[in-house]
Amino acid sequence: MKIGDIAKRTGLTAHTLRYYERIGLLPYVLRDASGQRAYDDSVLGWIAFLQRLKTTGMSLREMLRYAQLRADGPATNAERQRLLEEHRARLRIHITDLQAALRVLDDKIDGYAGSNINQE
């Protein structure tokens, strides 16, 4: 697949894909006879996983670390697991914080709905 195809299927821009390749987040992509990137279908699953990590707030530095460990092969499975477990623990704390903030907003909205008094 060409870079435009990958961009359409992932929602990332071609610029972002080239950047991810340049910094090592995406594996090196072979070029076709005309010099254009020729992506393998397997990159779609990897990009989807990276997008999930980004959505959950994983830093680019941690994503790069994970990508490097992945490139190093199965011998790094334990370290990759540890990295993901640490991220999951931080994510759970963040979700708890977000849920508490949501409860405050819900209470405030309920207060507005129940009265016409000036609320902060």
N, C-alpha and C. Protein backbone atom coordinates (compact mmCIF):
# COMPACT_ATOMS: atom_id res chain seq x y z
N MET A 1 0.84 -1.18 0.00
CA MET A 1 0.00 0.00 0.00
C MET A 1 0.88 1.24 0.00
N LYS A 2 0.40 2.24 -0.64
CA LYS A 2 1.09 3.53 -0.68
C LYS A 2 0.77 4.33 0.59
N ILE A 3 1.54 5.35 0.83
CA ILE A 3 1.37 6.15 2.04
C ILE A 3 -0.02 6.80 2.10
N GLY A 4 -0.55 7.19 0.95
CA GLY A 4 -1.89 7.77 0.93
C GLY A 4 -2.96 6.77 1.35
N ASP A 5 -2.77 5.52 0.96
CA ASP A 5 -3.71 4.46 1.35
C ASP A 5 -3.67 4.25 2.87
N ILE A 6 -2.47 4.21 3.41
CA ILE A 6 -2.32 4.03 4.86
C ILE A 6 -2.92 5.22 5.59
N ALA A 7 -2.68 6.41 5.07
CA ALA A 7 -3.23 7.62 5.70
C ALA A 7 -4.75 7.55 5.74
N LYS A 8 -5.36 7.17 4.64
CA LYS A 8 -6.83 7.08 4.59
C LYS A 8 -7.35 6.03 5.56
N ARG A 9 -6.68 4.91 5.64
CA ARG A 9 -7.17 3.80 6.48
C ARG A 9 -6.93 4.02 7.96
N THR A 10 -5.95 4.87 8.31
CA THR A 10 -5.63 5.07 9.72
C THR A 10 -6.09 6.42 10.26
N GLY A 11 -6.37 7.36 9.36
CA GLY A 11 -6.73 8.70 9.80
C GLY A 11 -5.53 9.57 10.10
N LEU A 12 -4.34 9.04 9.95
CA LEU A 12 -3.12 9.83 10.12
C LEU A 12 -2.76 10.50 8.81
N THR A 13 -2.07 11.61 8.90
CA THR A 13 -1.64 12.27 7.67
C THR A 13 -0.37 11.60 7.15
N ALA A 14 -0.11 11.79 5.87
CA ALA A 14 1.12 11.27 5.29
C ALA A 14 2.33 11.89 6.00
N HIS A 15 2.22 13.15 6.37
CA HIS A 15 3.30 13.83 7.10
C HIS A 15 3.58 13.10 8.42
N THR A 16 2.52 12.75 9.16
CA THR A 16 2.68 12.05 10.43
C THR A 16 3.31 10.69 10.21
N LEU A 17 2.88 9.98 9.19
CA LEU A 17 3.45 8.66 8.90
C LEU A 17 4.94 8.77 8.58
N ARG A 18 5.31 9.75 7.78
CA ARG A 18 6.73 9.94 7.46
C ARG A 18 7.52 10.30 8.73
N TYR A 19 6.92 11.14 9.59
CA TYR A 19 7.57 11.51 10.85
C TYR A 19 7.76 10.28 11.73
N TYR A 20 6.73 9.47 11.88
CA TYR A 20 6.82 8.26 12.69
C TYR A 20 7.90 7.33 12.16
N GLU A 21 8.01 7.25 10.85
CA GLU A 21 9.06 6.41 10.26
C GLU A 21 10.43 7.01 10.56
N ARG A 22 10.55 8.31 10.41
CA ARG A 22 11.84 8.98 10.61
C ARG A 22 12.36 8.81 12.05
N ILE A 23 11.46 8.88 13.04
CA ILE A 23 11.91 8.78 14.43
C ILE A 23 12.00 7.34 14.93
N GLY A 24 11.54 6.39 14.11
CA GLY A 24 11.66 4.99 14.48
C GLY A 24 10.42 4.38 15.10
N LEU A 25 9.32 5.10 15.09
CA LEU A 25 8.07 4.55 15.63
C LEU A 25 7.46 3.54 14.67
N LEU A 26 7.64 3.76 13.40
CA LEU A 26 7.25 2.78 12.39
C LEU A 26 8.51 2.11 11.86
N PRO A 27 8.41 0.84 11.57
CA PRO A 27 9.58 0.16 11.00
C PRO A 27 9.92 0.74 9.64
N TYR A 28 11.16 0.54 9.25
CA TYR A 28 11.61 0.99 7.94
C TYR A 28 10.69 0.41 6.87
N VAL A 29 10.30 1.24 5.95
CA VAL A 29 9.38 0.83 4.89
C VAL A 29 10.15 0.69 3.58
N LEU A 30 9.97 -0.45 2.94
CA LEU A 30 10.62 -0.66 1.65
C LEU A 30 10.02 0.28 0.61
N ARG A 31 10.79 0.55 -0.41
CA ARG A 31 10.33 1.41 -1.51
C ARG A 31 10.09 0.55 -2.74
N ASP A 32 9.13 0.99 -3.55
CA ASP A 32 8.88 0.28 -4.80
C ASP A 32 9.86 0.79 -5.86
N ALA A 33 9.68 0.30 -7.07
CA ALA A 33 10.60 0.65 -8.15
C ALA A 33 10.64 2.16 -8.42
N SER A 34 9.54 2.85 -8.14
CA SER A 34 9.51 4.29 -8.39
C SER A 34 9.96 5.11 -7.16
N GLY A 35 10.38 4.41 -6.10
CA GLY A 35 10.89 5.10 -4.92
C GLY A 35 9.83 5.46 -3.90
N GLN A 36 8.58 5.05 -4.15
CA GLN A 36 7.51 5.35 -3.19
C GLN A 36 7.46 4.26 -2.11
N ARG A 37 7.05 4.69 -0.91
CA ARG A 37 6.90 3.74 0.18
C ARG A 37 5.86 2.69 -0.20
N ALA A 38 6.18 1.44 0.09
CA ALA A 38 5.26 0.32 -0.17
C ALA A 38 5.01 -0.39 1.15
N TYR A 39 3.93 0.01 1.82
CA TYR A 39 3.61 -0.54 3.14
C TYR A 39 2.99 -1.92 3.04
N ASP A 40 3.34 -2.74 3.97
CA ASP A 40 2.76 -4.06 4.14
C ASP A 40 1.49 -3.91 4.98
N ASP A 41 0.49 -4.76 4.76
CA ASP A 41 -0.76 -4.70 5.52
C ASP A 41 -0.54 -4.80 7.03
N SER A 42 0.52 -5.47 7.44
CA SER A 42 0.76 -5.68 8.87
C SER A 42 0.97 -4.37 9.62
N VAL A 43 1.36 -3.33 8.92
CA VAL A 43 1.61 -2.05 9.58
C VAL A 43 0.32 -1.45 10.12
N LEU A 44 -0.83 -1.83 9.56
CA LEU A 44 -2.11 -1.29 10.01
C LEU A 44 -2.39 -1.65 11.47
N GLY A 45 -2.12 -2.88 11.85
CA GLY A 45 -2.33 -3.30 13.24
C GLY A 45 -1.41 -2.57 14.19
N TRP A 46 -0.16 -2.39 13.77
CA TRP A 46 0.81 -1.67 14.59
C TRP A 46 0.39 -0.21 14.77
N ILE A 47 -0.03 0.42 13.70
CA ILE A 47 -0.48 1.82 13.79
C ILE A 47 -1.71 1.93 14.68
N ALA A 48 -2.63 1.00 14.58
CA ALA A 48 -3.82 1.02 15.43
C ALA A 48 -3.42 0.91 16.90
N PHE A 49 -2.45 0.07 17.19
CA PHE A 49 -1.96 -0.07 18.57
C PHE A 49 -1.31 1.23 19.03
N LEU A 50 -0.48 1.84 18.19
CA LEU A 50 0.15 3.11 18.54
C LEU A 50 -0.91 4.19 18.80
N GLN A 51 -1.96 4.20 18.00
CA GLN A 51 -3.02 5.18 18.20
C GLN A 51 -3.71 4.97 19.55
N ARG A 52 -3.89 3.72 19.96
CA ARG A 52 -4.47 3.43 21.27
C ARG A 52 -3.54 3.91 22.38
N LEU A 53 -2.26 3.66 22.23
CA LEU A 53 -1.31 4.13 23.24
C LEU A 53 -1.36 5.65 23.35
N LYS A 54 -1.41 6.32 22.21
CA LYS A 54 -1.49 7.78 22.21
C LYS A 54 -2.78 8.25 22.87
N THR A 55 -3.89 7.62 22.54
CA THR A 55 -5.19 7.98 23.12
C THR A 55 -5.16 7.84 24.64
N THR A 56 -4.45 6.84 25.13
CA THR A 56 -4.39 6.61 26.57
C THR A 56 -3.34 7.48 27.26
N GLY A 57 -2.67 8.32 26.49
CA GLY A 57 -1.74 9.27 27.09
C GLY A 57 -0.31 8.81 27.20
N MET A 58 0.04 7.72 26.54
CA MET A 58 1.44 7.30 26.60
C MET A 58 2.30 8.33 25.88
N SER A 59 3.42 8.65 26.48
CA SER A 59 4.31 9.64 25.89
C SER A 59 4.98 9.08 24.63
N LEU A 60 5.39 9.97 23.77
CA LEU A 60 6.08 9.57 22.55
C LEU A 60 7.37 8.83 22.91
N ARG A 61 8.05 9.28 23.94
CA ARG A 61 9.29 8.62 24.37
C ARG A 61 9.02 7.17 24.78
N GLU A 62 7.92 6.94 25.53
CA GLU A 62 7.59 5.57 25.92
C GLU A 62 7.17 4.74 24.72
N MET A 63 6.45 5.36 23.80
CA MET A 63 6.05 4.64 22.59
C MET A 63 7.28 4.23 21.78
N LEU A 64 8.25 5.12 21.72
CA LEU A 64 9.49 4.81 21.01
C LEU A 64 10.24 3.67 21.71
N ARG A 65 10.25 3.69 23.03
CA ARG A 65 10.90 2.62 23.79
C ARG A 65 10.22 1.29 23.50
N TYR A 66 8.89 1.30 23.52
CA TYR A 66 8.15 0.08 23.22
C TYR A 66 8.45 -0.40 21.80
N ALA A 67 8.46 0.52 20.84
CA ALA A 67 8.74 0.16 19.45
C ALA A 67 10.13 -0.46 19.31
N GLN A 68 11.10 0.10 20.02
CA GLN A 68 12.45 -0.45 19.96
C GLN A 68 12.49 -1.86 20.56
N LEU A 69 11.83 -2.03 21.69
CA LEU A 69 11.78 -3.35 22.31
C LEU A 69 11.11 -4.36 21.37
N ARG A 70 10.05 -3.93 20.73
CA ARG A 70 9.33 -4.79 19.78
C ARG A 70 10.25 -5.20 18.64
N ALA A 71 11.01 -4.24 18.15
CA ALA A 71 11.94 -4.52 17.05
C ALA A 71 13.05 -5.48 17.49
N ASP A 72 13.36 -5.46 18.77
CA ASP A 72 14.41 -6.34 19.30
C ASP A 72 13.95 -7.78 19.46
N GLY A 73 12.67 -8.02 19.32
CA GLY A 73 12.17 -9.39 19.30
C GLY A 73 11.65 -9.94 20.61
N PRO A 74 11.33 -11.24 20.59
CA PRO A 74 10.67 -11.90 21.73
C PRO A 74 11.46 -11.86 23.04
N ALA A 75 12.76 -11.70 22.97
CA ALA A 75 13.56 -11.64 24.20
C ALA A 75 13.17 -10.46 25.08
N THR A 76 12.46 -9.49 24.50
CA THR A 76 12.07 -8.29 25.25
C THR A 76 10.62 -8.35 25.75
N ASN A 77 9.98 -9.50 25.62
CA ASN A 77 8.57 -9.61 26.01
C ASN A 77 8.33 -9.18 27.45
N ALA A 78 9.17 -9.60 28.37
CA ALA A 78 8.97 -9.25 29.79
C ALA A 78 9.08 -7.74 30.00
N GLU A 79 10.02 -7.12 29.34
CA GLU A 79 10.17 -5.67 29.49
C GLU A 79 9.00 -4.93 28.84
N ARG A 80 8.54 -5.41 27.72
CA ARG A 80 7.36 -4.79 27.08
C ARG A 80 6.14 -4.93 27.98
N GLN A 81 5.98 -6.10 28.58
CA GLN A 81 4.86 -6.31 29.49
C GLN A 81 4.95 -5.34 30.67
N ARG A 82 6.13 -5.19 31.24
CA ARG A 82 6.32 -4.27 32.36
C ARG A 82 5.98 -2.84 31.97
N LEU A 83 6.44 -2.43 30.80
CA LEU A 83 6.16 -1.07 30.33
C LEU A 83 4.65 -0.85 30.19
N LEU A 84 3.95 -1.82 29.62
CA LEU A 84 2.50 -1.70 29.45
C LEU A 84 1.77 -1.75 30.80
N GLU A 85 2.25 -2.57 31.71
CA GLU A 85 1.62 -2.63 33.03
C GLU A 85 1.77 -1.31 33.78
N GLU A 86 2.94 -0.70 33.68
CA GLU A 86 3.16 0.60 34.32
C GLU A 86 2.24 1.66 33.71
N HIS A 87 2.12 1.62 32.41
CA HIS A 87 1.24 2.57 31.73
C HIS A 87 -0.22 2.34 32.14
N ARG A 88 -0.61 1.08 32.21
CA ARG A 88 -1.98 0.76 32.62
C ARG A 88 -2.26 1.28 34.03
N ALA A 89 -1.31 1.16 34.94
CA ALA A 89 -1.50 1.64 36.31
C ALA A 89 -1.71 3.16 36.31
N ARG A 90 -0.91 3.87 35.53
CA ARG A 90 -1.08 5.34 35.43
C ARG A 90 -2.43 5.68 34.80
N LEU A 91 -2.81 4.91 33.80
CA LEU A 91 -4.08 5.15 33.11
C LEU A 91 -5.26 4.94 34.07
N ARG A 92 -5.20 3.91 34.88
CA ARG A 92 -6.28 3.67 35.84
C ARG A 92 -6.42 4.83 36.82
N ILE A 93 -5.32 5.37 37.28
CA ILE A 93 -5.36 6.54 38.16
C ILE A 93 -5.99 7.72 37.44
N HIS A 94 -5.59 7.92 36.20
CA HIS A 94 -6.14 9.03 35.40
C HIS A 94 -7.64 8.86 35.19
N ILE A 95 -8.08 7.64 34.92
CA ILE A 95 -9.51 7.37 34.73
C ILE A 95 -10.26 7.68 36.02
N THR A 96 -9.70 7.30 37.14
CA THR A 96 -10.34 7.60 38.43
C THR A 96 -10.46 9.10 38.63
N ASP A 97 -9.40 9.83 38.29
CA ASP A 97 -9.44 11.30 38.39
C ASP A 97 -10.49 11.89 37.46
N LEU A 98 -10.58 11.37 36.25
CA LEU A 98 -11.58 11.84 35.30
C LEU A 98 -12.99 11.54 35.78
N GLN A 99 -13.20 10.37 36.36
CA GLN A 99 -14.53 10.02 36.87
C GLN A 99 -14.93 10.96 38.00
N ALA A 100 -13.97 11.31 38.87
CA ALA A 100 -14.26 12.25 39.96
C ALA A 100 -14.61 13.62 39.39
N ALA A 101 -13.89 14.06 38.38
CA ALA A 101 -14.18 15.34 37.74
C ALA A 101 -15.55 15.32 37.07
N LEU A 102 -15.89 14.20 36.47
CA LEU A 102 -17.19 14.06 35.82
C LEU A 102 -18.32 14.14 36.85
N ARG A 103 -18.13 13.53 38.01
CA ARG A 103 -19.15 13.61 39.07
C ARG A 103 -19.36 15.07 39.50
N VAL A 104 -18.28 15.83 39.62
CA VAL A 104 -18.40 17.24 39.99
C VAL A 104 -19.20 17.99 38.92
N LEU A 105 -18.87 17.74 37.66
CA LEU A 105 -19.62 18.40 36.58
C LEU A 105 -21.09 17.99 36.58
N ASP A 106 -21.35 16.71 36.78
CA ASP A 106 -22.74 16.24 36.83
C ASP A 106 -23.50 16.92 37.96
N ASP A 107 -22.87 17.03 39.13
CA ASP A 107 -23.51 17.70 40.27
C ASP A 107 -23.80 19.15 39.95
N LYS A 108 -22.85 19.81 39.32
CA LYS A 108 -23.02 21.22 38.97
C LYS A 108 -24.16 21.37 37.96
N ILE A 109 -24.19 20.52 36.96
CA ILE A 109 -25.26 20.56 35.96
C ILE A 109 -26.61 20.29 36.61
N ASP A 110 -26.65 19.31 37.48
CA ASP A 110 -27.90 19.01 38.20
C ASP A 110 -28.34 20.22 39.03
N GLY A 111 -27.39 20.92 39.61
CA GLY A 111 -27.72 22.11 40.38
C GLY A 111 -28.34 23.19 39.51
N TYR A 112 -27.80 23.38 38.33
CA TYR A 112 -28.38 24.37 37.42
C TYR A 112 -29.77 23.95 36.97
N ALA A 113 -29.94 22.66 36.74
CA ALA A 113 -31.23 22.16 36.28
C ALA A 113 -32.30 22.27 37.36
N GLY A 114 -31.88 22.21 38.62
CA GLY A 114 -32.84 22.21 39.71
C GLY A 114 -33.19 23.56 40.26
N SER A 115 -32.48 24.59 39.85
CA SER A 115 -32.76 25.92 40.41
C SER A 115 -32.33 27.01 39.45
N ASN A 116 -32.78 28.18 39.74
CA ASN A 116 -32.41 29.35 38.94
C ASN A 116 -31.42 30.23 39.66
N ILE A 117 -30.81 29.72 40.76
CA ILE A 117 -29.87 30.56 41.49
C ILE A 117 -28.52 30.59 40.79
N ASN A 118 -27.74 31.58 41.08
CA ASN A 118 -26.43 31.76 40.47
C ASN A 118 -25.45 30.74 41.06
N GLN A 119 -24.92 29.88 40.26
CA GLN A 119 -23.96 28.86 40.73
C GLN A 119 -22.56 29.23 40.22
N GLU A 120 -21.55 28.86 41.01
CA GLU A 120 -20.16 29.14 40.62
C GLU A 120 -19.69 28.17 39.58
